[in-house]
C-alpha atoms as a PDB file:
ATOM      1  CA  UNK A   1      -8.109  26.023-104.192  1.00  0.00           C
ATOM      2  CA  UNK A   2      -7.023  25.904-100.859  1.00  0.00           C
ATOM      3  CA  UNK A   3      -5.850  22.533 -99.691  1.00  0.00           C
ATOM      4  CA  UNK A   4      -8.392  21.015 -96.982  1.00  0.00           C
ATOM      5  CA  UNK A   5      -6.479  20.428 -94.155  1.00  0.00           C
ATOM      6  CA  UNK A   6      -7.877  20.336 -90.687  1.00  0.00           C
ATOM      7  CA  UNK A   7      -5.849  21.105 -87.155  1.00  0.00           C
ATOM      8  CA  UNK A   8      -6.739  18.862 -83.666  1.00  0.00           C
ATOM      9  CA  UNK A   9     -10.090  20.361 -82.842  1.00  0.00           C
ATOM     10  CA  UNK A  10     -10.169  21.964 -79.179  1.00  0.00           C
ATOM     11  CA  UNK A  11     -13.717  20.051 -77.536  1.00  0.00           C
ATOM     12  CA  UNK A  12     -15.882  21.272 -74.535  1.00  0.00           C
ATOM     13  CA  UNK A  13     -19.247  19.947 -72.983  1.00  0.00           C
ATOM     14  CA  UNK A  14     -21.828  21.293 -70.985  1.00  0.00           C
ATOM     15  CA  UNK A  15     -23.447  20.061 -68.804  1.00  0.00           C
ATOM     16  CA  UNK A  16     -26.239  21.207 -67.251  1.00  0.00           C
ATOM     17  CA  UNK A  17     -27.689  20.371 -63.472  1.00  0.00           C
ATOM     18  CA  UNK A  18     -31.259  21.204 -61.993  1.00  0.00           C
ATOM     19  CA  UNK A  19     -34.672  19.507 -61.812  1.00  0.00           C
ATOM     20  CA  UNK A  20     -35.699  22.128 -62.589  1.00  0.00           C
ATOM     21  CA  UNK A  21     -34.575  22.874 -65.943  1.00  0.00           C
ATOM     22  CA  UNK A  22     -35.919  18.600 -66.525  1.00  0.00           C
ATOM     23  CA  UNK A  23     -39.649  20.024 -65.360  1.00  0.00           C
ATOM     24  CA  UNK A  24     -39.912  23.097 -67.824  1.00  0.00           C
ATOM     25  CA  UNK A  25     -40.340  25.592 -64.855  1.00  0.00           C
ATOM     26  CA  UNK A  26     -37.143  27.158 -65.042  1.00  0.00           C
ATOM     27  CA  UNK A  27     -35.939  28.279 -69.156  1.00  0.00           C
ATOM     28  CA  UNK A  28     -31.616  27.221 -69.839  1.00  0.00           C
ATOM     29  CA  UNK A  29     -30.546  30.879 -71.121  1.00  0.00           C
ATOM     30  CA  UNK A  30     -27.328  29.508 -70.607  1.00  0.00           C
ATOM     31  CA  UNK A  31     -26.164  27.128 -73.266  1.00  0.00           C
ATOM     32  CA  UNK A  32     -26.004  29.312 -76.445  1.00  0.00           C
ATOM     33  CA  UNK A  33     -24.054  31.741 -74.262  1.00  0.00           C
ATOM     34  CA  UNK A  34     -21.563  29.142 -73.291  1.00  0.00           C
ATOM     35  CA  UNK A  35     -21.542  27.769 -77.192  1.00  0.00           C
ATOM     36  CA  UNK A  36     -20.978  31.659 -78.291  1.00  0.00           C
ATOM     37  CA  UNK A  37     -17.971  32.563 -76.027  1.00  0.00           C
ATOM     38  CA  UNK A  38     -16.425  28.899 -76.709  1.00  0.00           C
ATOM     39  CA  UNK A  39     -16.410  29.233 -80.645  1.00  0.00           C
ATOM     40  CA  UNK A  40     -15.038  32.435 -80.636  1.00  0.00           C
ATOM     41  CA  UNK A  41     -12.482  30.735 -78.334  1.00  0.00           C
ATOM     42  CA  UNK A  42     -12.114  28.538 -80.848  1.00  0.00           C
ATOM     43  CA  UNK A  43     -12.935  25.828 -79.000  1.00  0.00           C
ATOM     44  CA  UNK A  44     -16.418  23.194 -80.399  1.00  0.00           C
ATOM     45  CA  UNK A  45     -18.835  22.316 -78.548  1.00  0.00           C
ATOM     46  CA  UNK A  46     -19.602  19.239 -78.811  1.00  0.00           C
ATOM     47  CA  UNK A  47     -22.153  17.880 -76.615  1.00  0.00           C
ATOM     48  CA  UNK A  48     -24.439  19.302 -73.864  1.00  0.00           C
ATOM     49  CA  UNK A  49     -26.428  16.969 -71.961  1.00  0.00           C
ATOM     50  CA  UNK A  50     -29.224  18.415 -68.728  1.00  0.00           C
ATOM     51  CA  UNK A  51     -29.726  15.894 -65.478  1.00  0.00           C
ATOM     52  CA  UNK A  52     -31.410  16.092 -62.388  1.00  0.00           C
ATOM     53  CA  UNK A  53     -29.987  16.680 -58.849  1.00  0.00           C
ATOM     54  CA  UNK A  54     -29.904  13.226 -58.342  1.00  0.00           C
ATOM     55  CA  UNK A  55     -25.642  13.101 -57.509  1.00  0.00           C
ATOM     56  CA  UNK A  56     -25.162   9.171 -59.516  1.00  0.00           C
ATOM     57  CA  UNK A  57     -26.629  10.646 -62.505  1.00  0.00           C
ATOM     58  CA  UNK A  58     -23.972  13.988 -61.885  1.00  0.00           C
ATOM     59  CA  UNK A  59     -20.993  11.173 -61.317  1.00  0.00           C
ATOM     60  CA  UNK A  60     -21.686   9.326 -64.836  1.00  0.00           C
ATOM     61  CA  UNK A  61     -22.130  12.206 -66.702  1.00  0.00           C
ATOM     62  CA  UNK A  62     -18.868  13.991 -65.960  1.00  0.00           C
ATOM     63  CA  UNK A  63     -16.763  11.098 -65.491  1.00  0.00           C
ATOM     64  CA  UNK A  64     -17.903  10.202 -68.618  1.00  0.00           C
ATOM     65  CA  UNK A  65     -17.578  14.037 -70.684  1.00  0.00           C
ATOM     66  CA  UNK A  66     -14.499  14.480 -69.177  1.00  0.00           C
ATOM     67  CA  UNK A  67     -12.584  11.389 -70.572  1.00  0.00           C
ATOM     68  CA  UNK A  68     -14.118  12.416 -73.725  1.00  0.00           C
ATOM     69  CA  UNK A  69     -13.407  16.135 -74.066  1.00  0.00           C
ATOM     70  CA  UNK A  70     -10.936  18.746 -73.481  1.00  0.00           C
ATOM     71  CA  UNK A  71     -13.003  20.426 -71.009  1.00  0.00           C
ATOM     72  CA  UNK A  72     -16.224  20.357 -69.440  1.00  0.00           C
ATOM     73  CA  UNK A  73     -18.810  23.080 -67.670  1.00  0.00           C
ATOM     74  CA  UNK A  74     -20.928  22.464 -65.142  1.00  0.00           C
ATOM     75  CA  UNK A  75     -24.078  24.636 -63.935  1.00  0.00           C
ATOM     76  CA  UNK A  76     -25.930  24.522 -61.542  1.00  0.00           C
ATOM     77  CA  UNK A  77     -26.641  23.381 -57.649  1.00  0.00           C
ATOM     78  CA  UNK A  78     -24.144  24.781 -55.949  1.00  0.00           C
ATOM     79  CA  UNK A  79     -26.120  27.334 -53.833  1.00  0.00           C
ATOM     80  CA  UNK A  80     -26.803  27.037 -50.385  1.00  0.00           C
ATOM     81  CA  UNK A  81     -29.909  24.615 -50.334  1.00  0.00           C
ATOM     82  CA  UNK A  82     -30.333  21.005 -49.530  1.00  0.00           C
ATOM     83  CA  UNK A  83     -30.425  20.417 -52.988  1.00  0.00           C
ATOM     84  CA  UNK A  84     -27.600  21.577 -54.109  1.00  0.00           C
ATOM     85  CA  UNK A  85     -25.620  18.682 -54.529  1.00  0.00           C
ATOM     86  CA  UNK A  86     -23.015  18.966 -57.359  1.00  0.00           C
ATOM     87  CA  UNK A  87     -20.388  20.136 -55.853  1.00  0.00           C
ATOM     88  CA  UNK A  88     -20.064  16.912 -53.668  1.00  0.00           C
ATOM     89  CA  UNK A  89     -20.763  14.865 -56.791  1.00  0.00           C
ATOM     90  CA  UNK A  90     -18.224  16.401 -58.683  1.00  0.00           C
ATOM     91  CA  UNK A  91     -16.200  15.994 -55.839  1.00  0.00           C
ATOM     92  CA  UNK A  92     -16.329  11.716 -56.103  1.00  0.00           C
ATOM     93  CA  UNK A  93     -16.484  12.104 -59.766  1.00  0.00           C
ATOM     94  CA  UNK A  94     -13.041  12.347 -59.295  1.00  0.00           C
ATOM     95  CA  UNK A  95     -12.634  10.846 -55.997  1.00  0.00           C
ATOM     96  CA  UNK A  96     -11.702  13.488 -53.890  1.00  0.00           C
ATOM     97  CA  UNK A  97     -12.853  14.468 -50.418  1.00  0.00           C
ATOM     98  CA  UNK A  98     -15.168  18.112 -50.571  1.00  0.00           C
ATOM     99  CA  UNK A  99     -13.698  20.517 -47.866  1.00  0.00           C
ATOM    100  CA  UNK A 100     -14.419  24.204 -47.021  1.00  0.00           C
ATOM    101  CA  UNK A 101     -12.104  26.193 -48.723  1.00  0.00           C
ATOM    102  CA  UNK A 102     -10.266  28.693 -46.416  1.00  0.00           C
ATOM    103  CA  UNK A 103     -10.286  31.213 -49.671  1.00  0.00           C
ATOM    104  CA  UNK A 104     -13.337  30.735 -50.281  1.00  0.00           C
ATOM    105  CA  UNK A 105     -15.122  31.749 -46.830  1.00  0.00           C
ATOM    106  CA  UNK A 106     -12.891  34.271 -46.296  1.00  0.00           C
ATOM    107  CA  UNK A 107     -14.811  35.780 -50.310  1.00  0.00           C
ATOM    108  CA  UNK A 108     -18.118  35.053 -48.528  1.00  0.00           C
ATOM    109  CA  UNK A 109     -17.118  36.824 -45.180  1.00  0.00           C
ATOM    110  CA  UNK A 110     -15.629  39.435 -46.893  1.00  0.00           C
ATOM    111  CA  UNK A 111     -18.872  40.080 -49.065  1.00  0.00           C
ATOM    112  CA  UNK A 112     -21.739  38.961 -46.185  1.00  0.00           C
ATOM    113  CA  UNK A 113     -19.871  40.786 -43.431  1.00  0.00           C
ATOM    114  CA  UNK A 114     -17.859  39.494 -40.764  1.00  0.00           C
ATOM    115  CA  UNK A 115     -20.068  36.777 -38.507  1.00  0.00           C
ATOM    116  CA  UNK A 116     -22.824  36.801 -41.130  1.00  0.00           C
ATOM    117  CA  UNK A 117     -21.612  33.512 -42.607  1.00  0.00           C
ATOM    118  CA  UNK A 118     -24.421  31.385 -41.843  1.00  0.00           C
ATOM    119  CA  UNK A 119     -23.915  27.519 -42.709  1.00  0.00           C
ATOM    120  CA  UNK A 120     -26.030  27.507 -45.457  1.00  0.00           C
ATOM    121  CA  UNK A 121     -23.785  30.380 -46.604  1.00  0.00           C
ATOM    122  CA  UNK A 122     -20.377  28.159 -45.830  1.00  0.00           C
ATOM    123  CA  UNK A 123     -21.738  25.605 -48.096  1.00  0.00           C
ATOM    124  CA  UNK A 124     -20.906  27.883 -50.985  1.00  0.00           C
ATOM    125  CA  UNK A 125     -17.464  27.089 -50.131  1.00  0.00           C
ATOM    126  CA  UNK A 126     -17.205  23.786 -50.496  1.00  0.00           C
ATOM    127  CA  UNK A 127     -15.096  22.361 -53.245  1.00  0.00           C
ATOM    128  CA  UNK A 128     -12.843  19.666 -54.030  1.00  0.00           C
ATOM    129  CA  UNK A 129     -10.422  19.124 -52.296  1.00  0.00           C
ATOM    130  CA  UNK A 130      -7.233  20.075 -54.585  1.00  0.00           C
ATOM    131  CA  UNK A 131      -9.371  21.861 -56.529  1.00  0.00           C
ATOM    132  CA  UNK A 132      -9.640  25.953 -57.930  1.00  0.00           C
ATOM    133  CA  UNK A 133     -11.237  28.370 -57.330  1.00  0.00           C
ATOM    134  CA  UNK A 134     -13.130  30.404 -60.241  1.00  0.00           C
ATOM    135  CA  UNK A 135     -13.959  34.250 -59.160  1.00  0.00           C
ATOM    136  CA  UNK A 136     -17.442  35.214 -59.041  1.00  0.00           C
ATOM    137  CA  UNK A 137     -17.785  38.976 -58.869  1.00  0.00           C
ATOM    138  CA  UNK A 138     -21.269  39.179 -59.162  1.00  0.00           C
ATOM    139  CA  UNK A 139     -22.258  37.082 -55.792  1.00  0.00           C
ATOM    140  CA  UNK A 140     -18.919  36.216 -54.371  1.00  0.00           C
ATOM    141  CA  UNK A 141     -19.724  32.544 -53.782  1.00  0.00           C
ATOM    142  CA  UNK A 142     -16.904  30.832 -56.256  1.00  0.00           C
ATOM    143  CA  UNK A 143     -16.841  28.058 -58.823  1.00  0.00           C
ATOM    144  CA  UNK A 144     -14.024  25.724 -58.969  1.00  0.00           C
ATOM    145  CA  UNK A 145     -12.476  23.913 -61.367  1.00  0.00           C
ATOM    146  CA  UNK A 146     -10.829  19.955 -61.011  1.00  0.00           C
ATOM    147  CA  UNK A 147      -8.624  18.919 -63.289  1.00  0.00           C
ATOM    148  CA  UNK A 148     -11.049  19.495 -67.019  1.00  0.00           C
ATOM    149  CA  UNK A 149     -14.061  20.554 -64.979  1.00  0.00           C
ATOM    150  CA  UNK A 150     -15.282  23.781 -64.396  1.00  0.00           C
ATOM    151  CA  UNK A 151     -18.128  23.853 -61.814  1.00  0.00           C
ATOM    152  CA  UNK A 152     -20.229  26.738 -62.400  1.00  0.00           C
ATOM    153  CA  UNK A 153     -23.332  28.689 -60.782  1.00  0.00           C
ATOM    154  CA  UNK A 154     -26.741  28.226 -62.969  1.00  0.00           C
ATOM    155  CA  UNK A 155     -27.644  31.670 -62.195  1.00  0.00           C
ATOM    156  CA  UNK A 156     -27.089  33.370 -66.112  1.00  0.00           C
ATOM    157  CA  UNK A 157     -25.593  36.789 -65.140  1.00  0.00           C
ATOM    158  CA  UNK A 158     -23.300  34.753 -62.196  1.00  0.00           C
ATOM    159  CA  UNK A 159     -22.491  32.167 -64.947  1.00  0.00           C
ATOM    160  CA  UNK A 160     -21.671  34.821 -67.592  1.00  0.00           C
ATOM    161  CA  UNK A 161     -18.992  36.472 -65.495  1.00  0.00           C
ATOM    162  CA  UNK A 162     -17.262  33.131 -64.523  1.00  0.00           C
ATOM    163  CA  UNK A 163     -16.755  32.310 -67.954  1.00  0.00           C
ATOM    164  CA  UNK A 164     -15.623  35.871 -69.219  1.00  0.00           C
ATOM    165  CA  UNK A 165     -12.772  34.856 -66.633  1.00  0.00           C
ATOM    166  CA  UNK A 166     -11.887  31.224 -67.764  1.00  0.00           C
ATOM    167  CA  UNK A 167     -12.234  31.624 -71.417  1.00  0.00           C
ATOM    168  CA  UNK A 168      -9.661  33.906 -72.463  1.00  0.00           C
ATOM    169  CA  UNK A 169      -6.922  31.690 -70.427  1.00  0.00           C
ATOM    170  CA  UNK A 170      -7.992  28.384 -72.426  1.00  0.00           C
ATOM    171  CA  UNK A 171      -5.926  26.713 -75.171  1.00  0.00           C
ATOM    172  CA  UNK A 172      -8.348  27.156 -78.505  1.00  0.00           C
ATOM    173  CA  UNK A 173      -7.709  25.747 -81.634  1.00  0.00           C
ATOM    174  CA  UNK A 174      -8.493  26.799 -84.931  1.00  0.00           C
ATOM    175  CA  UNK A 175     -11.529  29.172 -84.761  1.00  0.00           C
ATOM    176  CA  UNK A 176     -14.761  28.062 -86.601  1.00  0.00           C
ATOM    177  CA  UNK A 177     -16.395  30.489 -89.299  1.00  0.00           C
ATOM    178  CA  UNK A 178     -19.398  29.876 -91.425  1.00  0.00           C
ATOM    179  CA  UNK A 179     -21.531  31.182 -94.556  1.00  0.00           C
ATOM    180  CA  UNK A 180     -24.975  30.875 -95.453  1.00  0.00           C
ATOM    181  CA  UNK A 181     -26.881  30.662 -98.395  1.00  0.00           C
ATOM    182  CA  UNK A 182     -30.311  30.841 -98.655  1.00  0.00           C
ATOM    183  CA  UNK A 183     -33.020  29.543-101.219  1.00  0.00           C
ATOM    184  CA  UNK A 184     -36.464  28.476-102.354  1.00  0.00           C
ATOM    185  CA  UNK A 185     -35.402  25.222-103.547  1.00  0.00           C
ATOM    186  CA  UNK A 186     -37.248  22.161-101.524  1.00  0.00           C
ATOM    187  CA  UNK A 187     -34.868  20.441 -99.368  1.00  0.00           C
ATOM    188  CA  UNK A 188     -35.877  16.957-101.306  1.00  0.00           C
ATOM    189  CA  UNK A 189     -34.325  18.590-104.887  1.00  0.00           C
ATOM    190  CA  UNK A 190     -31.436  19.574-102.722  1.00  0.00           C
ATOM    191  CA  UNK A 191     -30.697  16.541-101.271  1.00  0.00           C
ATOM    192  CA  UNK A 192     -28.357  14.890-103.996  1.00  0.00           C
ATOM    193  CA  UNK A 193     -26.619  17.686-105.335  1.00  0.00           C
ATOM    194  CA  UNK A 194     -25.685  19.002-101.615  1.00  0.00           C
ATOM    195  CA  UNK A 195     -25.009  15.700-100.492  1.00  0.00           C
ATOM    196  CA  UNK A 196     -22.092  15.655-103.568  1.00  0.00           C
ATOM    197  CA  UNK A 197     -20.584  18.945-102.799  1.00  0.00           C
ATOM    198  CA  UNK A 198     -20.291  17.567 -99.011  1.00  0.00           C
ATOM    199  CA  UNK A 199     -18.865  14.518-100.140  1.00  0.00           C
ATOM    200  CA  UNK A 200     -16.159  16.122-101.966  1.00  0.00           C
ATOM    201  CA  UNK A 201     -14.667  18.450 -99.365  1.00  0.00           C
ATOM    202  CA  UNK A 202     -15.237  16.796 -95.964  1.00  0.00           C
ATOM    203  CA  UNK A 203     -13.005  19.343 -93.831  1.00  0.00           C
ATOM    204  CA  UNK A 204     -16.797  21.274 -94.180  1.00  0.00           C
ATOM    205  CA  UNK A 205     -19.310  20.535 -92.482  1.00  0.00           C
ATOM    206  CA  UNK A 206     -22.675  21.578 -94.362  1.00  0.00           C
ATOM    207  CA  UNK A 207     -26.141  21.618 -92.801  1.00  0.00           C
ATOM    208  CA  UNK A 208     -29.057  21.579 -94.261  1.00  0.00           C
ATOM    209  CA  UNK A 209     -32.266  24.182 -91.939  1.00  0.00           C
ATOM    210  CA  UNK A 210     -36.130  24.586 -93.152  1.00  0.00           C
ATOM    211  CA  UNK A 211     -37.365  28.250 -92.644  1.00  0.00           C
ATOM    212  CA  UNK A 212     -40.643  29.754 -93.429  1.00  0.00           C
ATOM    213  CA  UNK A 213     -40.370  33.620 -93.623  1.00  0.00           C
ATOM    214  CA  UNK A 214     -43.128  36.105 -94.921  1.00  0.00           C
ATOM    215  CA  UNK A 215     -45.557  33.011 -96.109  1.00  0.00           C
ATOM    216  CA  UNK A 216     -42.702  31.363 -97.881  1.00  0.00           C
ATOM    217  CA  UNK A 217     -41.031  27.951 -97.401  1.00  0.00           C
ATOM    218  CA  UNK A 218     -37.272  27.793 -97.520  1.00  0.00           C
ATOM    219  CA  UNK A 219     -33.795  26.812 -96.902  1.00  0.00           C
ATOM    220  CA  UNK A 220     -30.934  27.924 -95.740  1.00  0.00           C
ATOM    221  CA  UNK A 221     -27.321  25.992 -96.197  1.00  0.00           C
ATOM    222  CA  UNK A 222     -25.009  27.132 -93.933  1.00  0.00           C
ATOM    223  CA  UNK A 223     -20.436  25.334 -94.337  1.00  0.00           C
ATOM    224  CA  UNK A 224     -18.604  25.628 -90.840  1.00  0.00           C
ATOM    225  CA  UNK A 225     -15.054  25.206 -91.480  1.00  0.00           C
ATOM    226  CA  UNK A 226     -11.314  26.484 -90.472  1.00  0.00           C
ATOM    227  CA  UNK A 227     -10.684  27.997 -93.960  1.00  0.00           C
ATOM    228  CA  UNK A 228     -11.597  31.186 -94.794  1.00  0.00           C
ATOM    229  CA  UNK A 229     -10.893  30.539 -98.384  1.00  0.00           C
ATOM    230  CA  UNK A 230     -12.139  27.041 -98.844  1.00  0.00           C
ATOM    231  CA  UNK A 231     -15.653  28.783 -96.909  1.00  0.00           C
ATOM    232  CA  UNK A 232     -15.832  31.083 -99.400  1.00  0.00           C
ATOM    233  CA  UNK A 233     -15.231  28.354-102.597  1.00  0.00           C
ATOM    234  CA  UNK A 234     -18.221  25.986-101.098  1.00  0.00           C
ATOM    235  CA  UNK A 235     -20.222  28.639-100.718  1.00  0.00           C
ATOM    236  CA  UNK A 236     -19.744  29.454-105.103  1.00  0.00           C
ATOM    237  CA  UNK A 237     -20.359  25.653-105.483  1.00  0.00           C
ATOM    238  CA  UNK A 238     -23.731  26.128-103.396  1.00  0.00           C
ATOM    239  CA  UNK A 239     -24.870  29.050-105.147  1.00  0.00           C
ATOM    240  CA  UNK A 240     -24.088  26.966-108.774  1.00  0.00           C
ATOM    241  CA  UNK A 241     -25.932  24.521-107.467  1.00  0.00           C
ATOM    242  CA  UNK A 242     -29.290  26.381-106.324  1.00  0.00           C
ATOM    243  CA  UNK A 243     -28.775  28.391-109.651  1.00  0.00           C
ATOM    244  CA  UNK A 244     -29.082  24.818-111.259  1.00  0.00           C
ATOM    245  CA  UNK A 245     -32.012  23.622-109.844  1.00  0.00           C
ATOM    246  CA  UNK A 246     -34.099  27.143-110.813  1.00  0.00           C
ATOM    247  CA  UNK A 247     -33.391  28.824-107.300  1.00  0.00           C
ATOM    248  CA  UNK A 248     -32.079  31.576-106.577  1.00  0.00           C
ATOM    249  CA  UNK A 249     -29.379  31.962-103.910  1.00  0.00           C
ATOM    250  CA  UNK A 250     -29.576  34.656-101.156  1.00  0.00           C
ATOM    251  CA  UNK A 251     -26.080  35.174 -99.662  1.00  0.00           C
ATOM    252  CA  UNK A 252     -27.381  35.680 -95.970  1.00  0.00           C
ATOM    253  CA  UNK A 253     -24.237  36.837 -94.434  1.00  0.00           C
ATOM    254  CA  UNK A 254     -24.059  39.976 -96.556  1.00  0.00           C
ATOM    255  CA  UNK A 255     -27.442  40.708 -96.093  1.00  0.00           C
END
């Protein structure tokens, strides 16, 4: 059996900023997309928060998350209107002045045309002093990086383009893999033997996820870890457990 070892994880958090998300008016679609890109890079998304457009709330969240994780990704609040306060709040979180970045302003002028960068549009060139710009190939207005925090737009198409430019250059860790075994054995019956398998394999995270399909109840037993051979062993143990309980295991990764 493979030795159960674990390399240090590279971790991240996502901070979603916006009253419109909390009110239910706008549905967030960014979190799942970011999580998938980070997972593929070997970066574990360990926490996600949603905060309103309130400066103190943004500052507190950024300080807490940036001190806890390797990377923090924020979405929302860097547009041209009065309620776009993310850039200023994050600058304050790091004790930096907020400036109009000359390079960012030049990008906006090239995009909109000379003389067409209004004061509102110029707000999108504001960054924390010393920050590095994040390219925006969709609409030119950049995001920025300050220390381990990446400040991005909330518009999904722009956010995705920014992430595509960011993630390849990040340091990742071992990629987390997953194996899923489905069955129609009740969770209450599975609980004790499944807990024993988890206790025997601390390097693997095992989760139980109920479902209802085609008029039938069941559960998916998902194992996650960085060692493919070890996951195969754990999936085998789970399958045998299901058989011992009178169920029929289904390997969802091969269906």
